[in-house]
Amino acid sequence: MEEDGWWCAGVVWRPEGARLGWYRAGPGGRVAERVSGPSPGEPLAFAVEGGRVCTGVLRGGRRTLCPVKAAVPARSTGGQCPECARLDRSQSVAADTRADDPRPYRVYLAWFGPGLPKVGITAAARGGARLLEQGAVAYGWLGRGPLMAARRAEELLGAALGVKDRVPYGVKRAARAGLPPVAERFAELAALQARVAELPDWPESLEREPFAPVDHTAAFGLDALAARTAEGRVEEVTELGEGDVVAGELLGVAGPDLHLATGDAGVLVLDGRLMAGRRLRAAPAGVPTSASVRDCGAGARAKDAGVQDGLF
């Protein structure tokens, strides 16, 4: 893990793949940021030190630390105190507070499993980064244009076709345990995009995009997950507390979720958002996981408590 003074920011996606983000206070009030491994196939073993502190506000690639270093509940996936979360939200396109944003946006169809499509929008400049961050197994673009036109298209799919704009993380995790072949994923996306093409009220200023599906099997390490899942059970970490240990071999990362192979032939899913605002130290080799876990199917049935942040 990281040396003293660094706080974990959770999973961050970079062009080279998923990494763990770290931050600490630097000279002159600036905040230093860095990323580190591990990579798939490498061990990941850490112990939690001390309490959990608000991660502050990240805007324009720069982090501002929480001025009061507020405590954050162990089970929270937001990683922020209420005040920092409100400040973050005040500049969010998702909260409709930036209707005059001049940047071009794209509307997408994300696919998380059979019968689990999602419609969303993201800034065109971000490319497919948002789809990696939210753990979309596959996706395709629908259109490109001004923000409000993209927003109307998103609402149109919800009203006319019943496509949701959110899929709970617990449902995503459960679906990954038994995914159909890539061809079937693309077929479901293609059928839905064909229905979208027939909608009469598509915004005129939103340029339609041809069907060109993208699959994240390799990026997420889903083949390794599938092979391991066939051998044993899948559990997920429910919270991290002081002194808790998490240990395993990294199979891959999907969205914020780290998939770890454990010594009993099972799979442990760790939501990287639970790591945000934590001090972590390397755990001795061979130490078993002591953090609270539950069956991943139970997580899918539970009400999702996560906040879908950092959309754009």
C-alpha atoms as a PDB file:
ATOM      1  CA  MET A   1       0.000   0.000   0.000  1.00  0.00           C
ATOM      2  CA  GLU A   2       0.985   3.655   0.304  1.00  0.00           C
ATOM      3  CA  GLU A   3       3.470   5.238   2.659  1.00  0.00           C
ATOM      4  CA  ASP A   4       2.429   7.368   5.643  1.00  0.00           C
ATOM      5  CA  GLY A   5       0.567  10.557   4.880  1.00  0.00           C
ATOM      6  CA  TRP A   6      -1.432   9.296   1.879  1.00  0.00           C
ATOM      7  CA  TRP A   7      -5.197   8.759   1.915  1.00  0.00           C
ATOM      8  CA  CYS A   8      -6.963   6.449  -0.499  1.00  0.00           C
ATOM      9  CA  ALA A   9      -9.292   8.005  -3.082  1.00  0.00           C
ATOM     10  CA  GLY A  10     -10.698   4.671  -4.293  1.00  0.00           C
ATOM     11  CA  VAL A  11     -10.558   3.338  -7.844  1.00  0.00           C
ATOM     12  CA  VAL A  12      -9.651   5.742 -10.639  1.00  0.00           C
ATOM     13  CA  TRP A  13      -9.713   4.852 -14.335  1.00  0.00           C
ATOM     14  CA  ARG A  14      -6.788   5.936 -16.481  1.00  0.00           C
ATOM     15  CA  PRO A  15      -5.984   5.168 -20.142  1.00  0.00           C
ATOM     16  CA  GLU A  16      -3.815   2.270 -18.973  1.00  0.00           C
ATOM     17  CA  GLY A  17      -6.637   0.822 -16.870  1.00  0.00           C
ATOM     18  CA  ALA A  18      -7.941   0.915 -13.310  1.00  0.00           C
ATOM     19  CA  ARG A  19      -5.662   2.129 -10.515  1.00  0.00           C
ATOM     20  CA  LEU A  20      -5.970   3.088  -6.870  1.00  0.00           C
ATOM     21  CA  GLY A  21      -5.920   6.846  -6.309  1.00  0.00           C
ATOM     22  CA  TRP A  22      -4.131   8.531  -3.394  1.00  0.00           C
ATOM     23  CA  TYR A  23      -3.980  12.098  -2.086  1.00  0.00           C
ATOM     24  CA  ARG A  24      -2.384  14.082   0.722  1.00  0.00           C
ATOM     25  CA  ALA A  25      -1.980  17.667   1.830  1.00  0.00           C
ATOM     26  CA  GLY A  26       1.003  19.380   0.230  1.00  0.00           C
ATOM     27  CA  PRO A  27       2.871  22.652   0.722  1.00  0.00           C
ATOM     28  CA  GLY A  28       1.014  25.909   0.232  1.00  0.00           C
ATOM     29  CA  GLY A  29      -2.365  24.307   0.708  1.00  0.00           C
ATOM     30  CA  ARG A  30      -2.100  22.316  -2.510  1.00  0.00           C
ATOM     31  CA  VAL A  31      -3.117  18.663  -2.621  1.00  0.00           C
ATOM     32  CA  ALA A  32      -0.758  16.049  -4.051  1.00  0.00           C
ATOM     33  CA  GLU A  33      -2.342  13.196  -6.036  1.00  0.00           C
ATOM     34  CA  ARG A  34      -0.919   9.917  -7.341  1.00  0.00           C
ATOM     35  CA  VAL A  35      -2.009   6.465  -8.481  1.00  0.00           C
ATOM     36  CA  SER A  36      -0.636   2.966  -7.952  1.00  0.00           C
ATOM     37  CA  GLY A  37      -1.399  -0.687  -8.801  1.00  0.00           C
ATOM     38  CA  PRO A  38      -1.982  -3.522  -8.343  1.00  0.00           C
ATOM     39  CA  SER A  39      -2.519  -5.092 -11.745  1.00  0.00           C
ATOM     40  CA  PRO A  40      -4.578  -8.236 -12.427  1.00  0.00           C
ATOM     41  CA  GLY A  41      -2.792 -11.345 -11.211  1.00  0.00           C
ATOM     42  CA  GLU A  42      -1.025  -9.496  -8.399  1.00  0.00           C
ATOM     43  CA  PRO A  43      -1.829  -9.799  -4.682  1.00  0.00           C
ATOM     44  CA  LEU A  44      -3.766  -7.092  -2.867  1.00  0.00           C
ATOM     45  CA  ALA A  45      -3.624  -7.184   0.924  1.00  0.00           C
ATOM     46  CA  PHE A  46      -4.190  -4.218   3.197  1.00  0.00           C
ATOM     47  CA  ALA A  47      -5.292  -3.290   6.703  1.00  0.00           C
ATOM     48  CA  VAL A  48      -7.316  -0.210   7.624  1.00  0.00           C
ATOM     49  CA  GLU A  49      -5.715   2.354   9.929  1.00  0.00           C
ATOM     50  CA  GLY A  50      -7.747   4.829  11.980  1.00  0.00           C
ATOM     51  CA  GLY A  51     -11.054   6.436  11.113  1.00  0.00           C
ATOM     52  CA  ARG A  52     -12.530   7.562   7.824  1.00  0.00           C
ATOM     53  CA  VAL A  53     -12.350  11.202   6.712  1.00  0.00           C
ATOM     54  CA  CYS A  54     -14.246  13.124   3.994  1.00  0.00           C
ATOM     55  CA  THR A  55     -12.374  13.155   0.673  1.00  0.00           C
ATOM     56  CA  GLY A  56     -13.303  16.776  -0.026  1.00  0.00           C
ATOM     57  CA  VAL A  57     -14.306  18.118  -3.451  1.00  0.00           C
ATOM     58  CA  LEU A  58     -12.729  17.129  -6.774  1.00  0.00           C
ATOM     59  CA  ARG A  59     -13.331  19.640  -9.546  1.00  0.00           C
ATOM     60  CA  GLY A  60     -11.481  20.252 -12.785  1.00  0.00           C
ATOM     61  CA  GLY A  61      -8.972  17.577 -11.869  1.00  0.00           C
ATOM     62  CA  ARG A  62      -8.021  19.347  -8.613  1.00  0.00           C
ATOM     63  CA  ARG A  63      -9.015  18.272  -5.116  1.00  0.00           C
ATOM     64  CA  THR A  64      -9.919  20.631  -2.276  1.00  0.00           C
ATOM     65  CA  LEU A  65      -9.712  18.956   1.119  1.00  0.00           C
ATOM     66  CA  CYS A  66     -12.600  19.064   3.546  1.00  0.00           C
ATOM     67  CA  PRO A  67     -11.887  22.071   5.817  1.00  0.00           C
ATOM     68  CA  VAL A  68     -13.103  20.280   8.966  1.00  0.00           C
ATOM     69  CA  LYS A  69     -11.886  16.773   8.083  1.00  0.00           C
ATOM     70  CA  ALA A  70     -15.382  15.494   8.776  1.00  0.00           C
ATOM     71  CA  ALA A  71     -15.921  11.851   9.663  1.00  0.00           C
ATOM     72  CA  VAL A  72     -17.698   9.663   7.092  1.00  0.00           C
ATOM     73  CA  PRO A  73     -19.724   6.496   7.935  1.00  0.00           C
ATOM     74  CA  ALA A  74     -17.981   3.198   7.177  1.00  0.00           C
ATOM     75  CA  ARG A  75     -20.775   1.980   4.873  1.00  0.00           C
ATOM     76  CA  SER A  76     -21.056   5.187   2.851  1.00  0.00           C
ATOM     77  CA  THR A  77     -20.098   4.867  -0.811  1.00  0.00           C
ATOM     78  CA  GLY A  78     -20.088   8.632  -1.335  1.00  0.00           C
ATOM     79  CA  GLY A  79     -16.897   9.279   0.627  1.00  0.00           C
ATOM     80  CA  GLN A  80     -17.951  12.848   1.391  1.00  0.00           C
ATOM     81  CA  CYS A  81     -19.530  14.710   4.276  1.00  0.00           C
ATOM     82  CA  PRO A  82     -22.924  16.363   3.572  1.00  0.00           C
ATOM     83  CA  GLU A  83     -21.393  19.822   3.092  1.00  0.00           C
ATOM     84  CA  CYS A  84     -18.764  18.726   0.561  1.00  0.00           C
ATOM     85  CA  ALA A  85     -21.343  16.576  -1.236  1.00  0.00           C
ATOM     86  CA  ARG A  86     -23.663  19.580  -1.553  1.00  0.00           C
ATOM     87  CA  LEU A  87     -20.828  21.727  -2.898  1.00  0.00           C
ATOM     88  CA  ASP A  88     -19.939  19.028  -5.419  1.00  0.00           C
ATOM     89  CA  ARG A  89     -23.569  18.705  -6.466  1.00  0.00           C
ATOM     90  CA  SER A  90     -23.971  22.463  -6.920  1.00  0.00           C
ATOM     91  CA  GLN A  91     -21.820  22.304 -10.057  1.00  0.00           C
ATOM     92  CA  SER A  92     -23.147  18.998 -11.365  1.00  0.00           C
ATOM     93  CA  VAL A  93     -24.818  18.581 -14.729  1.00  0.00           C
ATOM     94  CA  ALA A  94     -26.665  15.647 -13.201  1.00  0.00           C
ATOM     95  CA  ALA A  95     -28.405  18.071 -10.826  1.00  0.00           C
ATOM     96  CA  ASP A  96     -29.452  20.322 -13.748  1.00  0.00           C
ATOM     97  CA  THR A  97     -27.514  23.256 -12.302  1.00  0.00           C
ATOM     98  CA  ARG A  98     -25.501  23.857 -15.488  1.00  0.00           C
ATOM     99  CA  ALA A  99     -28.119  24.090 -18.227  1.00  0.00           C
ATOM    100  CA  ASP A 100     -25.977  26.636 -20.109  1.00  0.00           C
ATOM    101  CA  ASP A 101     -22.982  24.300 -20.403  1.00  0.00           C
ATOM    102  CA  PRO A 102     -21.683  24.876 -23.962  1.00  0.00           C
ATOM    103  CA  ARG A 103     -19.776  21.583 -24.241  1.00  0.00           C
ATOM    104  CA  PRO A 104     -21.069  18.849 -26.592  1.00  0.00           C
ATOM    105  CA  TYR A 105     -22.562  15.784 -24.903  1.00  0.00           C
ATOM    106  CA  ARG A 106     -23.240  12.210 -25.975  1.00  0.00           C
ATOM    107  CA  VAL A 107     -26.172   9.964 -25.107  1.00  0.00           C
ATOM    108  CA  TYR A 108     -25.334   6.311 -24.503  1.00  0.00           C
ATOM    109  CA  LEU A 109     -26.981   2.956 -23.909  1.00  0.00           C
ATOM    110  CA  ALA A 110     -25.122   0.946 -21.291  1.00  0.00           C
ATOM    111  CA  TRP A 111     -25.657  -2.787 -20.719  1.00  0.00           C
ATOM    112  CA  PHE A 112     -24.967  -4.494 -17.389  1.00  0.00           C
ATOM    113  CA  GLY A 113     -26.608  -7.862 -17.969  1.00  0.00           C
ATOM    114  CA  PRO A 114     -29.678  -9.439 -19.605  1.00  0.00           C
ATOM    115  CA  GLY A 115     -32.584  -7.036 -19.259  1.00  0.00           C
ATOM    116  CA  LEU A 116     -30.378  -4.423 -17.565  1.00  0.00           C
ATOM    117  CA  PRO A 117     -29.895  -1.527 -19.997  1.00  0.00           C
ATOM    118  CA  LYS A 118     -29.364   2.059 -18.870  1.00  0.00           C
ATOM    119  CA  VAL A 119     -29.518   5.380 -20.676  1.00  0.00           C
ATOM    120  CA  GLY A 120     -27.199   8.213 -19.728  1.00  0.00           C
ATOM    121  CA  ILE A 121     -25.286  11.235 -20.951  1.00  0.00           C
ATOM    122  CA  THR A 122     -21.643  12.211 -20.655  1.00  0.00           C
ATOM    123  CA  ALA A 123     -19.442  15.041 -21.886  1.00  0.00           C
ATOM    124  CA  ALA A 124     -18.164  14.148 -25.371  1.00  0.00           C
ATOM    125  CA  ALA A 125     -14.608  15.044 -24.349  1.00  0.00           C
ATOM    126  CA  ARG A 126     -14.596  12.212 -21.797  1.00  0.00           C
ATOM    127  CA  GLY A 127     -15.014   9.522 -24.440  1.00  0.00           C
ATOM    128  CA  GLY A 128     -15.929   6.181 -22.893  1.00  0.00           C
ATOM    129  CA  ALA A 129     -14.419   6.941 -19.469  1.00  0.00           C
ATOM    130  CA  ARG A 130     -17.786   7.209 -17.762  1.00  0.00           C
ATOM    131  CA  LEU A 131     -18.803   3.756 -19.016  1.00  0.00           C
ATOM    132  CA  LEU A 132     -15.665   2.252 -17.463  1.00  0.00           C
ATOM    133  CA  GLU A 133     -16.268   4.103 -14.199  1.00  0.00           C
ATOM    134  CA  GLN A 134     -19.816   2.848 -13.803  1.00  0.00           C
ATOM    135  CA  GLY A 135     -18.981  -0.745 -14.739  1.00  0.00           C
ATOM    136  CA  ALA A 136     -20.908  -1.050 -18.017  1.00  0.00           C
ATOM    137  CA  VAL A 137     -20.213  -4.504 -19.471  1.00  0.00           C
ATOM    138  CA  ALA A 138     -21.060  -3.196 -22.956  1.00  0.00           C
ATOM    139  CA  TYR A 139     -22.380   0.034 -24.442  1.00  0.00           C
ATOM    140  CA  GLY A 140     -23.182   1.960 -27.599  1.00  0.00           C
ATOM    141  CA  TRP A 141     -23.578   5.642 -28.471  1.00  0.00           C
ATOM    142  CA  LEU A 142     -26.974   7.009 -29.508  1.00  0.00           C
ATOM    143  CA  GLY A 143     -26.376  10.665 -30.285  1.00  0.00           C
ATOM    144  CA  ARG A 144     -24.226  13.765 -29.895  1.00  0.00           C
ATOM    145  CA  GLY A 145     -25.186  17.387 -29.399  1.00  0.00           C
ATOM    146  CA  PRO A 146     -26.044  20.156 -26.907  1.00  0.00           C
ATOM    147  CA  LEU A 147     -26.600  19.318 -23.259  1.00  0.00           C
ATOM    148  CA  MET A 148     -30.319  20.040 -23.097  1.00  0.00           C
ATOM    149  CA  ALA A 149     -30.993  18.054 -26.282  1.00  0.00           C
ATOM    150  CA  ALA A 150     -29.076  15.132 -24.774  1.00  0.00           C
ATOM    151  CA  ARG A 151     -31.099  15.486 -21.594  1.00  0.00           C
ATOM    152  CA  ARG A 152     -34.384  15.430 -23.562  1.00  0.00           C
ATOM    153  CA  ALA A 153     -33.293  12.263 -25.363  1.00  0.00           C
ATOM    154  CA  GLU A 154     -32.457  10.638 -22.040  1.00  0.00           C
ATOM    155  CA  GLU A 155     -35.920  11.502 -20.719  1.00  0.00           C
ATOM    156  CA  LEU A 156     -37.527  10.304 -23.961  1.00  0.00           C
ATOM    157  CA  LEU A 157     -36.039   6.820 -23.608  1.00  0.00           C
ATOM    158  CA  GLY A 158     -37.289   6.620 -20.056  1.00  0.00           C
ATOM    159  CA  ALA A 159     -40.825   7.734 -20.920  1.00  0.00           C
ATOM    160  CA  ALA A 160     -41.275   5.932 -24.253  1.00  0.00           C
ATOM    161  CA  LEU A 161     -39.256   2.741 -23.759  1.00  0.00           C
ATOM    162  CA  GLY A 162     -38.959   2.443 -19.986  1.00  0.00           C
ATOM    163  CA  VAL A 163     -35.149   2.513 -20.057  1.00  0.00           C
ATOM    164  CA  LYS A 164     -33.859   3.445 -16.624  1.00  0.00           C
ATOM    165  CA  ASP A 165     -31.188   6.040 -15.955  1.00  0.00           C
ATOM    166  CA  ARG A 166     -29.784   4.100 -12.996  1.00  0.00           C
ATOM    167  CA  VAL A 167     -28.952   0.476 -12.174  1.00  0.00           C
ATOM    168  CA  PRO A 168     -28.109  -0.298  -8.512  1.00  0.00           C
ATOM    169  CA  TYR A 169     -24.555  -1.455  -7.927  1.00  0.00           C
ATOM    170  CA  GLY A 170     -25.740  -4.595  -6.142  1.00  0.00           C
ATOM    171  CA  VAL A 171     -27.683  -5.602  -9.242  1.00  0.00           C
ATOM    172  CA  LYS A 172     -24.636  -4.963 -11.448  1.00  0.00           C
ATOM    173  CA  ARG A 173     -22.476  -7.204  -9.274  1.00  0.00           C
ATOM    174  CA  ALA A 174     -24.951 -10.060  -9.251  1.00  0.00           C
ATOM    175  CA  ALA A 175     -25.341  -9.877 -13.060  1.00  0.00           C
ATOM    176  CA  ARG A 176     -21.579 -10.198 -13.669  1.00  0.00           C
ATOM    177  CA  ALA A 177     -21.592 -13.689 -12.170  1.00  0.00           C
ATOM    178  CA  GLY A 178     -23.414 -15.175 -15.177  1.00  0.00           C
ATOM    179  CA  LEU A 179     -23.032 -13.100 -18.335  1.00  0.00           C
ATOM    180  CA  PRO A 180     -24.067 -14.362 -21.794  1.00  0.00           C
ATOM    181  CA  PRO A 181     -21.634 -14.311 -24.762  1.00  0.00           C
ATOM    182  CA  VAL A 182     -20.623 -10.988 -26.283  1.00  0.00           C
ATOM    183  CA  ALA A 183     -22.805 -11.573 -29.360  1.00  0.00           C
ATOM    184  CA  GLU A 184     -25.906 -11.775 -27.158  1.00  0.00           C
ATOM    185  CA  ARG A 185     -24.956  -8.592 -25.341  1.00  0.00           C
ATOM    186  CA  PHE A 186     -24.577  -6.739 -28.624  1.00  0.00           C
ATOM    187  CA  ALA A 187     -27.837  -8.211 -29.960  1.00  0.00           C
ATOM    188  CA  GLU A 188     -29.788  -6.814 -27.010  1.00  0.00           C
ATOM    189  CA  LEU A 189     -28.177  -3.397 -27.463  1.00  0.00           C
ATOM    190  CA  ALA A 190     -28.849  -3.462 -31.220  1.00  0.00           C
ATOM    191  CA  ALA A 191     -32.518  -4.313 -30.723  1.00  0.00           C
ATOM    192  CA  LEU A 192     -32.948  -1.484 -28.251  1.00  0.00           C
ATOM    193  CA  GLN A 193     -31.136   1.029 -30.449  1.00  0.00           C
ATOM    194  CA  ALA A 194     -33.395   0.024 -33.345  1.00  0.00           C
ATOM    195  CA  ARG A 195     -36.417   0.870 -31.183  1.00  0.00           C
ATOM    196  CA  VAL A 196     -34.822   4.214 -30.319  1.00  0.00           C
ATOM    197  CA  ALA A 197     -34.413   4.961 -34.040  1.00  0.00           C
ATOM    198  CA  GLU A 198     -38.183   4.635 -34.480  1.00  0.00           C
ATOM    199  CA  LEU A 199     -39.051   7.223 -31.840  1.00  0.00           C
ATOM    200  CA  PRO A 200     -40.722  10.258 -33.465  1.00  0.00           C
ATOM    201  CA  ASP A 201     -39.709  12.923 -30.928  1.00  0.00           C
ATOM    202  CA  TRP A 202     -35.919  12.670 -31.154  1.00  0.00           C
ATOM    203  CA  PRO A 203     -34.393  16.151 -30.581  1.00  0.00           C
ATOM    204  CA  GLU A 204     -33.481  17.756 -33.916  1.00  0.00           C
ATOM    205  CA  SER A 205     -30.202  19.201 -32.637  1.00  0.00           C
ATOM    206  CA  LEU A 206     -28.988  15.789 -31.466  1.00  0.00           C
ATOM    207  CA  GLU A 207     -27.027  14.013 -34.203  1.00  0.00           C
ATOM    208  CA  ARG A 208     -27.760  10.284 -34.262  1.00  0.00           C
ATOM    209  CA  GLU A 209     -24.776   7.949 -34.102  1.00  0.00           C
ATOM    210  CA  PRO A 210     -24.473   4.590 -35.895  1.00  0.00           C
ATOM    211  CA  PHE A 211     -24.556   1.365 -33.918  1.00  0.00           C
ATOM    212  CA  ALA A 212     -20.967   0.553 -32.919  1.00  0.00           C
ATOM    213  CA  PRO A 213     -21.033  -1.464 -29.685  1.00  0.00           C
ATOM    214  CA  VAL A 214     -18.098  -1.686 -27.293  1.00  0.00           C
ATOM    215  CA  ASP A 215     -17.447  -4.573 -24.901  1.00  0.00           C
ATOM    216  CA  HIS A 216     -15.429  -4.367 -21.666  1.00  0.00           C
ATOM    217  CA  THR A 217     -14.636  -8.048 -21.112  1.00  0.00           C
ATOM    218  CA  ALA A 218     -10.886  -7.475 -21.433  1.00  0.00           C
ATOM    219  CA  ALA A 219     -10.842  -4.134 -19.602  1.00  0.00           C
ATOM    220  CA  PHE A 220     -12.685  -5.601 -16.595  1.00  0.00           C
ATOM    221  CA  GLY A 221     -11.059  -9.039 -16.556  1.00  0.00           C
ATOM    222  CA  LEU A 222     -14.481 -10.686 -16.891  1.00  0.00           C
ATOM    223  CA  ASP A 223     -13.151 -13.968 -18.298  1.00  0.00           C
ATOM    224  CA  ALA A 224     -11.040 -14.492 -15.158  1.00  0.00           C
ATOM    225  CA  LEU A 225     -14.050 -13.585 -13.017  1.00  0.00           C
ATOM    226  CA  ALA A 226     -16.288 -16.060 -14.868  1.00  0.00           C
ATOM    227  CA  ALA A 227     -13.774 -18.897 -14.497  1.00  0.00           C
ATOM    228  CA  ARG A 228     -13.372 -18.246 -10.801  1.00  0.00           C
ATOM    229  CA  THR A 229     -17.106 -17.776 -10.197  1.00  0.00           C
ATOM    230  CA  ALA A 230     -17.766 -21.230 -11.664  1.00  0.00           C
ATOM    231  CA  GLU A 231     -15.613 -22.738  -8.896  1.00  0.00           C
ATOM    232  CA  GLY A 232     -17.055 -21.102  -5.782  1.00  0.00           C
ATOM    233  CA  ARG A 233     -19.239 -18.499  -4.160  1.00  0.00           C
ATOM    234  CA  VAL A 234     -19.162 -14.728  -4.659  1.00  0.00           C
ATOM    235  CA  GLU A 235     -19.192 -12.428  -1.634  1.00  0.00           C
ATOM    236  CA  GLU A 236     -18.928  -8.669  -1.233  1.00  0.00           C
ATOM    237  CA  VAL A 237     -17.397  -6.491   1.476  1.00  0.00           C
ATOM    238  CA  THR A 238     -20.127  -4.538   3.260  1.00  0.00           C
ATOM    239  CA  GLU A 239     -17.944  -2.050   5.150  1.00  0.00           C
ATOM    240  CA  LEU A 240     -14.403  -1.308   6.244  1.00  0.00           C
ATOM    241  CA  GLY A 241     -13.489  -0.480   9.820  1.00  0.00           C
ATOM    242  CA  GLU A 242     -10.313   0.227  11.736  1.00  0.00           C
ATOM    243  CA  GLY A 243      -8.126  -2.869  11.818  1.00  0.00           C
ATOM    244  CA  ASP A 244     -10.057  -4.707   9.104  1.00  0.00           C
ATOM    245  CA  VAL A 245      -8.018  -6.694   6.584  1.00  0.00           C
ATOM    246  CA  VAL A 246      -8.856  -7.427   2.939  1.00  0.00           C
ATOM    247  CA  ALA A 247      -6.669  -9.891   1.064  1.00  0.00           C
ATOM    248  CA  GLY A 248      -6.706 -11.748  -2.244  1.00  0.00           C
ATOM    249  CA  GLU A 249      -5.347 -11.887  -5.778  1.00  0.00           C
ATOM    250  CA  LEU A 250      -6.732  -9.239  -8.108  1.00  0.00           C
ATOM    251  CA  LEU A 251      -8.737 -10.778 -10.964  1.00  0.00           C
ATOM    252  CA  GLY A 252      -9.836  -7.452 -12.442  1.00  0.00           C
ATOM    253  CA  VAL A 253     -11.738  -4.238 -11.822  1.00  0.00           C
ATOM    254  CA  ALA A 254     -15.215  -3.334 -13.111  1.00  0.00           C
ATOM    255  CA  GLY A 255     -16.287   0.234 -12.429  1.00  0.00           C
ATOM    256  CA  PRO A 256     -15.379   0.829  -8.766  1.00  0.00           C
ATOM    257  CA  ASP A 257     -15.419  -2.895  -7.915  1.00  0.00           C
ATOM    258  CA  LEU A 258     -12.226  -4.870  -7.321  1.00  0.00           C
ATOM    259  CA  HIS A 259     -12.659  -8.632  -7.896  1.00  0.00           C
ATOM    260  CA  LEU A 260     -10.354 -10.683  -5.684  1.00  0.00           C
ATOM    261  CA  ALA A 261      -9.653 -14.424  -5.774  1.00  0.00           C
ATOM    262  CA  THR A 262      -9.601 -15.753  -2.231  1.00  0.00           C
ATOM    263  CA  GLY A 263      -7.874 -18.788  -0.742  1.00  0.00           C
ATOM    264  CA  ASP A 264     -11.112 -20.803  -0.499  1.00  0.00           C
ATOM    265  CA  ALA A 265     -11.715 -20.759  -4.287  1.00  0.00           C
ATOM    266  CA  GLY A 266     -14.282 -17.981  -3.953  1.00  0.00           C
ATOM    267  CA  VAL A 267     -14.485 -14.419  -5.256  1.00  0.00           C
ATOM    268  CA  LEU A 268     -14.545 -11.351  -3.019  1.00  0.00           C
ATOM    269  CA  VAL A 269     -15.912  -8.093  -4.445  1.00  0.00           C
ATOM    270  CA  LEU A 270     -14.637  -4.895  -2.838  1.00  0.00           C
ATOM    271  CA  ASP A 271     -16.373  -1.646  -3.773  1.00  0.00           C
ATOM    272  CA  GLY A 272     -13.449   0.761  -4.092  1.00  0.00           C
ATOM    273  CA  ARG A 273     -15.686   3.609  -2.934  1.00  0.00           C
ATOM    274  CA  LEU A 274     -15.547   2.093   0.570  1.00  0.00           C
ATOM    275  CA  MET A 275     -11.776   2.682   0.528  1.00  0.00           C
ATOM    276  CA  ALA A 276     -12.081   6.416  -0.156  1.00  0.00           C
ATOM    277  CA  GLY A 277     -11.073   8.549   2.819  1.00  0.00           C
ATOM    278  CA  ARG A 278      -9.151   5.700   4.457  1.00  0.00           C
ATOM    279  CA  ARG A 279      -5.533   5.280   5.530  1.00  0.00           C
ATOM    280  CA  LEU A 280      -4.344   1.840   4.403  1.00  0.00           C
ATOM    281  CA  ARG A 281      -1.197  -0.098   5.158  1.00  0.00           C
ATOM    282  CA  ALA A 282       0.156  -3.313   3.671  1.00  0.00           C
ATOM    283  CA  ALA A 283      -1.015  -6.456   5.460  1.00  0.00           C
ATOM    284  CA  PRO A 284       1.369  -9.377   6.136  1.00  0.00           C
ATOM    285  CA  ALA A 285       1.320 -12.181   3.592  1.00  0.00           C
ATOM    286  CA  GLY A 286      -1.119 -14.958   4.391  1.00  0.00           C
ATOM    287  CA  VAL A 287      -3.411 -12.900   6.621  1.00  0.00           C
ATOM    288  CA  PRO A 288      -7.056 -13.697   5.767  1.00  0.00           C
ATOM    289  CA  THR A 289      -9.808 -11.170   5.131  1.00  0.00           C
ATOM    290  CA  SER A 290     -11.468 -10.038   8.350  1.00  0.00           C
ATOM    291  CA  ALA A 291     -13.778  -7.321   6.972  1.00  0.00           C
ATOM    292  CA  SER A 292     -17.545  -7.925   7.071  1.00  0.00           C
ATOM    293  CA  VAL A 293     -18.852  -9.701   3.958  1.00  0.00           C
ATOM    294  CA  ARG A 294     -22.164 -11.024   2.614  1.00  0.00           C
ATOM    295  CA  ASP A 295     -23.352 -13.121  -0.291  1.00  0.00           C
ATOM    296  CA  CYS A 296     -23.329 -11.059  -3.487  1.00  0.00           C
ATOM    297  CA  GLY A 297     -26.896 -12.100  -4.302  1.00  0.00           C
ATOM    298  CA  ALA A 298     -28.020 -10.568  -1.022  1.00  0.00           C
ATOM    299  CA  GLY A 299     -26.364  -7.343  -2.069  1.00  0.00           C
ATOM    300  CA  ALA A 300     -28.407  -7.291  -5.272  1.00  0.00           C
ATOM    301  CA  ARG A 301     -31.636  -7.651  -3.314  1.00  0.00           C
ATOM    302  CA  ALA A 302     -30.713  -4.984  -0.801  1.00  0.00           C
ATOM    303  CA  LYS A 303     -31.562  -1.361  -1.448  1.00  0.00           C
ATOM    304  CA  ASP A 304     -28.594   0.286  -3.131  1.00  0.00           C
ATOM    305  CA  ALA A 305     -27.162   3.007  -0.918  1.00  0.00           C
ATOM    306  CA  GLY A 306     -24.598   4.309  -3.407  1.00  0.00           C
ATOM    307  CA  VAL A 307     -24.550   7.830  -4.778  1.00  0.00           C
ATOM    308  CA  GLN A 308     -23.932   7.973  -8.500  1.00  0.00           C
ATOM    309  CA  ASP A 309     -21.335  10.708  -8.557  1.00  0.00           C
ATOM    310  CA  GLY A 310     -18.798  12.153 -10.990  1.00  0.00           C
ATOM    311  CA  LEU A 311     -21.117  11.689 -13.965  1.00  0.00           C
ATOM    312  CA  PHE A 312     -19.596  14.131 -16.352  1.00  0.00           C
END
